[in-house]
Amino acid sequence: MTRVDMRRQTKGVTLLEVMATMAVMLLGIAAAMTVVTQTTRSNRRTLTANQAELIAERTLENIRARGCALSPPCGNLVGLDGTREIFYQTAGGELLTAKPTGTTIARQYEVALDLDGTPLASSFENPTTGLGVPAVTRNLADGKPGNVVNVRVSVSWEEPGRTGRQVYVLQTRMAP
């Protein structure tokens, strides 16, 4: 064999081919890392919203467990209107009323309560305008006259990378 034939038979990879292959691989890795990062953020937001939902459900169930006094209608709940509480949810799922110390990481949630039991002249619940069906002041299921109380629980938190507070709201009506 001659030298010319040996050169043609030898197959190697040039430096340019290696660099092009590395560039394509780096682009692929960068795209995969972007997908993982976005998925992680989305999962964290979903987890935070689920935790807020659980806090709202627990708060609403605690209010429902108190019941609704007959006279004045739900008068035992009036003191809850406009109240706000701060809770801290740890990564382990523990719900705290005080900010944790040390290395414990916890997200802060604010729980606000709004109870509307009497018709407001400026609302859809105004009985004189005929708006708000069914009316807050109406005969209850047992035929007795009474009031229905709107109970609204709002849970809010700050989400890193987003402006303003995020809010989850649950609402129900209670009657004596």
Protein backbone atom coordinates (compact mmCIF):
# COMPACT_ATOMS: atom_id res chain seq x y z
CA MET A 1 0.00 0.00 0.00
CA THR A 2 1.15 3.41 -0.75
CA ARG A 3 1.03 6.37 1.54
CA VAL A 4 -1.80 7.99 -0.40
CA ASP A 5 -3.96 4.88 0.04
CA MET A 6 -3.29 4.79 3.81
CA ARG A 7 -4.39 8.39 4.22
CA ARG A 8 -7.66 7.69 2.45
CA GLN A 9 -8.38 4.66 4.62
CA THR A 10 -7.68 6.42 7.92
CA LYS A 11 -10.90 7.93 9.19
CA GLY A 12 -10.72 10.45 11.98
CA VAL A 13 -12.74 13.26 13.45
CA THR A 14 -11.59 16.76 12.89
CA LEU A 15 -11.52 19.39 15.61
CA LEU A 16 -14.27 21.32 13.84
CA GLU A 17 -16.61 18.31 13.91
CA VAL A 18 -15.97 17.78 17.63
CA MET A 19 -16.73 21.44 18.39
CA ALA A 20 -19.94 21.37 16.34
CA THR A 21 -21.10 18.23 18.15
CA MET A 22 -20.35 19.80 21.54
CA ALA A 23 -22.28 22.95 20.60
CA VAL A 24 -25.36 20.91 19.65
CA MET A 25 -25.13 18.92 22.91
CA LEU A 26 -24.84 22.10 24.98
CA LEU A 27 -27.94 23.55 23.34
CA GLY A 28 -29.84 20.35 24.14
CA ILE A 29 -28.69 20.37 27.75
CA ALA A 30 -29.59 24.05 28.14
CA ALA A 31 -33.10 23.39 26.76
CA ALA A 32 -33.58 20.44 29.12
CA MET A 33 -32.47 22.54 32.10
CA THR A 34 -34.94 25.28 31.14
CA VAL A 35 -37.79 22.76 31.05
CA VAL A 36 -36.81 21.36 34.47
CA THR A 37 -36.60 24.87 35.98
CA GLN A 38 -40.01 25.90 34.63
CA THR A 39 -41.59 22.64 35.81
CA THR A 40 -40.14 23.12 39.29
CA ARG A 41 -41.56 26.67 39.50
CA SER A 42 -44.96 25.50 38.31
CA ASN A 43 -45.01 22.66 40.84
CA ARG A 44 -44.04 25.05 43.65
CA ARG A 45 -46.87 27.45 42.71
CA THR A 46 -49.35 24.57 42.62
CA LEU A 47 -48.19 23.31 46.01
CA THR A 48 -48.50 26.81 47.48
CA ALA A 49 -52.04 27.21 46.11
CA ASN A 50 -53.00 23.76 47.46
CA GLN A 51 -51.67 24.70 50.89
CA ALA A 52 -53.70 27.93 50.78
CA GLU A 53 -56.79 25.92 49.83
CA LEU A 54 -56.30 23.58 52.79
CA ILE A 55 -55.89 26.53 55.17
CA ALA A 56 -59.09 28.12 53.80
CA GLU A 57 -61.02 24.85 54.09
CA ARG A 58 -59.81 24.31 57.66
CA THR A 59 -60.78 27.87 58.64
CA LEU A 60 -64.22 27.55 57.04
CA GLU A 61 -64.82 24.20 58.74
CA ASN A 62 -63.87 25.71 62.11
CA ILE A 63 -66.45 28.47 61.55
CA ARG A 64 -69.11 25.96 60.50
CA ALA A 65 -68.35 23.85 63.58
CA ARG A 66 -69.23 26.84 65.79
CA GLY A 67 -72.71 26.81 64.35
CA CYS A 68 -75.02 29.73 63.80
CA ALA A 69 -76.98 31.15 66.78
CA LEU A 70 -80.69 31.69 66.30
CA SER A 71 -81.06 35.17 67.77
CA PRO A 72 -79.65 37.39 66.48
CA PRO A 73 -79.03 35.27 63.39
CA CYS A 74 -75.46 33.99 63.62
CA GLY A 75 -74.75 36.62 66.28
CA ASN A 76 -72.09 34.33 67.75
CA LEU A 77 -70.02 34.80 64.57
CA VAL A 78 -70.21 38.60 64.34
CA GLY A 79 -66.89 39.04 66.15
CA LEU A 80 -65.09 37.13 63.38
CA ASP A 81 -65.97 39.70 60.72
CA GLY A 82 -62.91 41.55 59.48
CA THR A 83 -60.42 39.46 61.46
CA ARG A 84 -57.01 38.62 60.02
CA GLU A 85 -54.55 35.97 61.10
CA ILE A 86 -51.05 35.10 59.97
CA PHE A 87 -49.99 31.46 59.56
CA TYR A 88 -46.70 29.88 58.53
CA GLN A 89 -46.69 26.61 56.60
CA THR A 90 -43.41 24.69 56.89
CA ALA A 91 -41.96 22.48 54.19
CA GLY A 92 -42.88 19.53 56.43
CA GLY A 93 -46.56 20.53 56.39
CA GLU A 94 -46.72 21.94 59.91
CA LEU A 95 -48.99 24.99 60.32
CA LEU A 96 -47.59 27.50 62.81
CA THR A 97 -49.05 30.70 64.27
CA ALA A 98 -45.60 32.20 64.97
CA LYS A 99 -42.73 32.73 62.55
CA PRO A 100 -40.33 29.79 62.88
CA THR A 101 -36.82 30.43 64.10
CA GLY A 102 -33.55 28.86 63.09
CA THR A 103 -33.23 27.03 59.79
CA THR A 104 -36.92 26.13 59.41
CA ILE A 105 -38.31 27.41 56.11
CA ALA A 106 -41.97 28.40 56.03
CA ARG A 107 -44.28 30.37 53.75
CA GLN A 108 -46.40 33.11 55.30
CA TYR A 109 -50.16 33.10 54.65
CA GLU A 110 -52.67 35.75 55.72
CA VAL A 111 -56.22 34.58 56.44
CA ALA A 112 -58.98 37.23 56.31
CA LEU A 113 -62.62 36.65 57.25
CA ASP A 114 -65.64 38.55 55.95
CA LEU A 115 -69.12 37.82 57.31
CA ASP A 116 -72.17 39.59 55.89
CA GLY A 117 -75.39 38.89 57.74
CA THR A 118 -77.53 41.96 57.28
CA PRO A 119 -78.55 43.31 53.90
CA LEU A 120 -76.44 46.22 52.79
CA ALA A 121 -78.17 49.07 50.94
CA SER A 122 -75.33 49.29 48.43
CA SER A 123 -75.21 45.58 47.64
CA PHE A 124 -77.11 43.03 45.63
CA GLU A 125 -78.52 41.78 48.93
CA ASN A 126 -80.71 44.93 49.29
CA PRO A 127 -84.28 43.69 49.87
CA THR A 128 -85.91 46.99 48.86
CA THR A 129 -84.52 46.88 45.31
CA GLY A 130 -85.49 43.26 44.75
CA LEU A 131 -81.93 42.36 43.84
CA GLY A 132 -80.13 39.42 45.29
CA VAL A 133 -82.13 36.25 44.79
CA PRO A 134 -82.59 34.53 47.12
CA ALA A 135 -82.57 37.37 49.61
CA VAL A 136 -80.42 37.23 52.73
CA THR A 137 -83.53 37.91 54.83
CA ARG A 138 -85.93 35.18 53.81
CA ASN A 139 -87.79 32.22 55.17
CA LEU A 140 -85.38 29.42 55.85
CA ALA A 141 -85.81 25.79 54.80
CA ASP A 142 -87.98 24.99 57.85
CA GLY A 143 -90.32 27.90 56.98
CA LYS A 144 -89.15 30.10 59.88
CA PRO A 145 -88.06 33.66 59.08
CA GLY A 146 -84.37 34.29 59.48
CA ASN A 147 -81.17 35.59 58.00
CA VAL A 148 -78.53 33.86 56.01
CA VAL A 149 -74.92 34.86 56.65
CA ASN A 150 -72.35 34.97 53.87
CA VAL A 151 -69.01 33.66 55.16
CA ARG A 152 -65.96 34.39 53.01
CA VAL A 153 -62.45 33.14 53.82
CA SER A 154 -59.55 34.67 51.85
CA VAL A 155 -56.04 33.24 52.10
CA SER A 156 -53.28 35.35 50.53
CA TRP A 157 -49.53 35.02 50.13
CA GLU A 158 -46.63 36.57 48.27
CA GLU A 159 -45.21 34.56 45.40
CA PRO A 160 -41.55 35.17 44.50
CA GLY A 161 -41.23 36.46 40.95
CA ARG A 162 -44.84 37.71 40.79
CA THR A 163 -46.23 41.12 41.62
CA GLY A 164 -48.95 41.59 44.21
CA ARG A 165 -50.41 38.98 46.51
CA GLN A 166 -51.92 35.74 45.31
CA VAL A 167 -55.33 34.92 46.82
CA TYR A 168 -57.48 31.84 47.30
CA VAL A 169 -61.11 32.45 48.39
CA LEU A 170 -63.80 30.11 49.72
CA GLN A 171 -67.34 31.24 50.45
CA THR A 172 -70.46 29.66 51.90
CA ARG A 173 -73.73 30.70 53.48
CA MET A 174 -74.85 29.76 56.98
CA ALA A 175 -78.21 30.02 58.71
CA PRO A 176 -79.50 29.33 62.22
